[in-house]
C-alpha cells in the first residue's frame, strides 16, 4: 500500500485509488455499528483540496506498514485514534490534518 512516496489502495471492485504522500491532506477514522462481524473501522485519506481519495478497512492487506507511516505524521492525534477504536457508533474521528500542529505542554 505504501511505496515510493505513493499510497495505493485497491478497492473491492479492483479499482486503484492513490495519493502521493506529499499530497496527503488529512486522515480520518470512520466507525460504524456493524461490528464485531462487519467491517466497522475504515481509514479515510484525503488529498489536495481535502478531497476523499482513498478508503480502506481495518485489517486490509498492507495496513500495518501504512499505519506505521500515518501514525508517525507530525501532529497525529493518538487520543482521537483511541476514541475511534473504542467506538461502536456511526462516527468520524479526524486523526491528522496537514495544517495541524501538536502543541507541547510546558511543565
C-alpha atoms as a PDB file:
ATOM      1  CA  UNK A   1       0.000   0.000   0.000  1.00  0.00           C
ATOM      2  CA  UNK A   2       2.897   2.403   0.636  1.00  0.00           C
ATOM      3  CA  UNK A   3       5.871   2.606  -1.684  1.00  0.00           C
ATOM      4  CA  UNK A   4       7.946   5.279  -3.402  1.00  0.00           C
ATOM      5  CA  UNK A   5       6.055   8.128  -1.702  1.00  0.00           C
ATOM      6  CA  UNK A   6       2.728   6.833  -3.007  1.00  0.00           C
ATOM      7  CA  UNK A   7      -0.152   5.389  -1.024  1.00  0.00           C
ATOM      8  CA  UNK A   8      -2.091   2.920  -3.157  1.00  0.00           C
ATOM      9  CA  UNK A   9      -5.320   1.104  -2.318  1.00  0.00           C
ATOM     10  CA  UNK A  10      -7.263  -1.341  -4.472  1.00  0.00           C
ATOM     11  CA  UNK A  11     -10.985  -1.299  -3.654  1.00  0.00           C
ATOM     12  CA  UNK A  12     -13.388  -4.255  -3.666  1.00  0.00           C
ATOM     13  CA  UNK A  13     -14.115  -3.740  -7.382  1.00  0.00           C
ATOM     14  CA  UNK A  14     -10.405  -3.804  -8.222  1.00  0.00           C
ATOM     15  CA  UNK A  15     -10.134  -0.051  -8.888  1.00  0.00           C
ATOM     16  CA  UNK A  16      -6.890   1.589  -7.845  1.00  0.00           C
ATOM     17  CA  UNK A  17      -7.084   4.588  -5.507  1.00  0.00           C
ATOM     18  CA  UNK A  18      -3.924   6.522  -4.730  1.00  0.00           C
ATOM     19  CA  UNK A  19      -2.476   9.665  -3.222  1.00  0.00           C
ATOM     20  CA  UNK A  20       1.102  10.922  -3.063  1.00  0.00           C
ATOM     21  CA  UNK A  21       2.445  11.294   0.442  1.00  0.00           C
ATOM     22  CA  UNK A  22       3.138  14.974  -0.297  1.00  0.00           C
ATOM     23  CA  UNK A  23      -0.491  15.458  -1.384  1.00  0.00           C
ATOM     24  CA  UNK A  24      -1.980  13.816   1.703  1.00  0.00           C
ATOM     25  CA  UNK A  25      -4.003  16.488   3.495  1.00  0.00           C
ATOM     26  CA  UNK A  26      -5.976  14.624   6.174  1.00  0.00           C
ATOM     27  CA  UNK A  27      -6.617  11.244   7.772  1.00  0.00           C
ATOM     28  CA  UNK A  28      -9.959  10.319   9.340  1.00  0.00           C
ATOM     29  CA  UNK A  29     -11.067   7.099  11.029  1.00  0.00           C
ATOM     30  CA  UNK A  30     -14.688   6.235  10.321  1.00  0.00           C
ATOM     31  CA  UNK A  31     -16.545   3.787  12.539  1.00  0.00           C
ATOM     32  CA  UNK A  32     -19.922   2.130  12.161  1.00  0.00           C
ATOM     33  CA  UNK A  33     -22.182  -0.153  14.137  1.00  0.00           C
ATOM     34  CA  UNK A  34     -21.669  -3.303  12.022  1.00  0.00           C
ATOM     35  CA  UNK A  35     -19.038  -4.851  14.311  1.00  0.00           C
ATOM     36  CA  UNK A  36     -17.864  -7.168  15.514  1.00  0.00           C
ATOM     37  CA  UNK A  37     -18.842  -9.207  12.451  1.00  0.00           C
ATOM     38  CA  UNK A  38     -18.785  -6.449   9.831  1.00  0.00           C
ATOM     39  CA  UNK A  39     -16.082  -4.053   8.670  1.00  0.00           C
ATOM     40  CA  UNK A  40     -16.668  -1.453  11.366  1.00  0.00           C
ATOM     41  CA  UNK A  41     -13.453   0.633  11.132  1.00  0.00           C
ATOM     42  CA  UNK A  42     -12.395   2.428   7.935  1.00  0.00           C
ATOM     43  CA  UNK A  43      -9.447   4.685   7.183  1.00  0.00           C
ATOM     44  CA  UNK A  44     -10.279   7.712   5.010  1.00  0.00           C
ATOM     45  CA  UNK A  45      -7.400   9.510   3.287  1.00  0.00           C
ATOM     46  CA  UNK A  46      -7.829  12.968   1.830  1.00  0.00           C
ATOM     47  CA  UNK A  47      -5.711  14.614  -0.846  1.00  0.00           C
ATOM     48  CA  UNK A  48      -5.485  18.035  -2.482  1.00  0.00           C
ATOM     49  CA  UNK A  49      -8.386  20.305  -1.633  1.00  0.00           C
ATOM     50  CA  UNK A  50      -9.336  17.941   1.197  1.00  0.00           C
ATOM     51  CA  UNK A  51     -10.989  15.596  -1.314  1.00  0.00           C
ATOM     52  CA  UNK A  52     -11.518  11.981  -0.258  1.00  0.00           C
ATOM     53  CA  UNK A  53      -9.135   9.903  -2.389  1.00  0.00           C
ATOM     54  CA  UNK A  54      -8.586   6.540  -0.647  1.00  0.00           C
ATOM     55  CA  UNK A  55     -10.542   4.358   1.755  1.00  0.00           C
ATOM     56  CA  UNK A  56      -9.656   1.007   3.260  1.00  0.00           C
ATOM     57  CA  UNK A  57     -10.963  -1.126   6.116  1.00  0.00           C
ATOM     58  CA  UNK A  58      -9.082  -2.100   9.231  1.00  0.00           C
ATOM     59  CA  UNK A  59      -7.223  -5.329   8.528  1.00  0.00           C
ATOM     60  CA  UNK A  60      -6.642  -4.646   4.820  1.00  0.00           C
ATOM     61  CA  UNK A  61      -3.539  -6.109   3.189  1.00  0.00           C
ATOM     62  CA  UNK A  62      -0.558  -3.818   3.776  1.00  0.00           C
ATOM     63  CA  UNK A  63      -2.279  -1.926   6.591  1.00  0.00           C
ATOM     64  CA  UNK A  64       0.472  -2.317   9.241  1.00  0.00           C
ATOM     65  CA  UNK A  65       3.156  -0.542   7.190  1.00  0.00           C
ATOM     66  CA  UNK A  66       0.772   2.204   6.121  1.00  0.00           C
ATOM     67  CA  UNK A  67      -0.444   2.771   9.688  1.00  0.00           C
ATOM     68  CA  UNK A  68       3.145   2.996  10.886  1.00  0.00           C
ATOM     69  CA  UNK A  69       3.683   5.775   8.344  1.00  0.00           C
ATOM     70  CA  UNK A  70       0.399   7.583   9.133  1.00  0.00           C
ATOM     71  CA  UNK A  71       0.887   7.428  12.895  1.00  0.00           C
ATOM     72  CA  UNK A  72       4.361   8.971  12.521  1.00  0.00           C
ATOM     73  CA  UNK A  73       2.952  12.081  10.809  1.00  0.00           C
ATOM     74  CA  UNK A  74       3.619  15.242  12.864  1.00  0.00           C
ATOM     75  CA  UNK A  75       0.572  16.103  14.925  1.00  0.00           C
ATOM     76  CA  UNK A  76      -1.124  12.693  14.608  1.00  0.00           C
ATOM     77  CA  UNK A  77      -3.856  12.612  17.266  1.00  0.00           C
ATOM     78  CA  UNK A  78      -3.497   9.379  19.233  1.00  0.00           C
ATOM     79  CA  UNK A  79      -6.322  10.395  21.581  1.00  0.00           C
ATOM     80  CA  UNK A  80      -8.744  10.592  18.663  1.00  0.00           C
ATOM     81  CA  UNK A  81      -7.484   7.232  17.381  1.00  0.00           C
ATOM     82  CA  UNK A  82      -8.090   5.705  20.810  1.00  0.00           C
ATOM     83  CA  UNK A  83     -11.650   7.114  20.835  1.00  0.00           C
ATOM     84  CA  UNK A  84     -12.247   5.689  17.369  1.00  0.00           C
ATOM     85  CA  UNK A  85     -11.021   2.222  18.339  1.00  0.00           C
ATOM     86  CA  UNK A  86     -13.430   2.179  21.291  1.00  0.00           C
ATOM     87  CA  UNK A  87     -16.396   3.456  19.291  1.00  0.00           C
ATOM     88  CA  UNK A  88     -19.340   1.243  18.357  1.00  0.00           C
ATOM     89  CA  UNK A  89     -21.308   4.080  16.764  1.00  0.00           C
ATOM     90  CA  UNK A  90     -21.504   5.589  13.285  1.00  0.00           C
ATOM     91  CA  UNK A  91     -18.955   8.387  13.621  1.00  0.00           C
ATOM     92  CA  UNK A  92     -15.833  10.012  12.163  1.00  0.00           C
ATOM     93  CA  UNK A  93     -12.650  10.829  14.051  1.00  0.00           C
ATOM     94  CA  UNK A  94     -10.149  13.222  12.443  1.00  0.00           C
ATOM     95  CA  UNK A  95      -6.704  11.957  13.480  1.00  0.00           C
ATOM     96  CA  UNK A  96      -4.436  14.123  11.337  1.00  0.00           C
ATOM     97  CA  UNK A  97      -4.535  17.202   9.132  1.00  0.00           C
ATOM     98  CA  UNK A  98      -1.634  18.666   7.171  1.00  0.00           C
ATOM     99  CA  UNK A  99      -2.086  22.026   8.886  1.00  0.00           C
ATOM    100  CA  UNK A 100      -2.186  20.606  12.398  1.00  0.00           C
ATOM    101  CA  UNK A 101       0.486  21.423  14.933  1.00  0.00           C
ATOM    102  CA  UNK A 102       0.913  19.441  18.098  1.00  0.00           C
ATOM    103  CA  UNK A 103       1.464  21.845  20.976  1.00  0.00           C
ATOM    104  CA  UNK A 104       3.873  20.696  23.655  1.00  0.00           C
ATOM    105  CA  UNK A 105       2.736  21.077  27.246  1.00  0.00           C
ATOM    106  CA  UNK A 106       5.105  23.039  29.373  1.00  0.00           C
ATOM    107  CA  UNK A 107       5.904  21.766  32.890  1.00  0.00           C
END
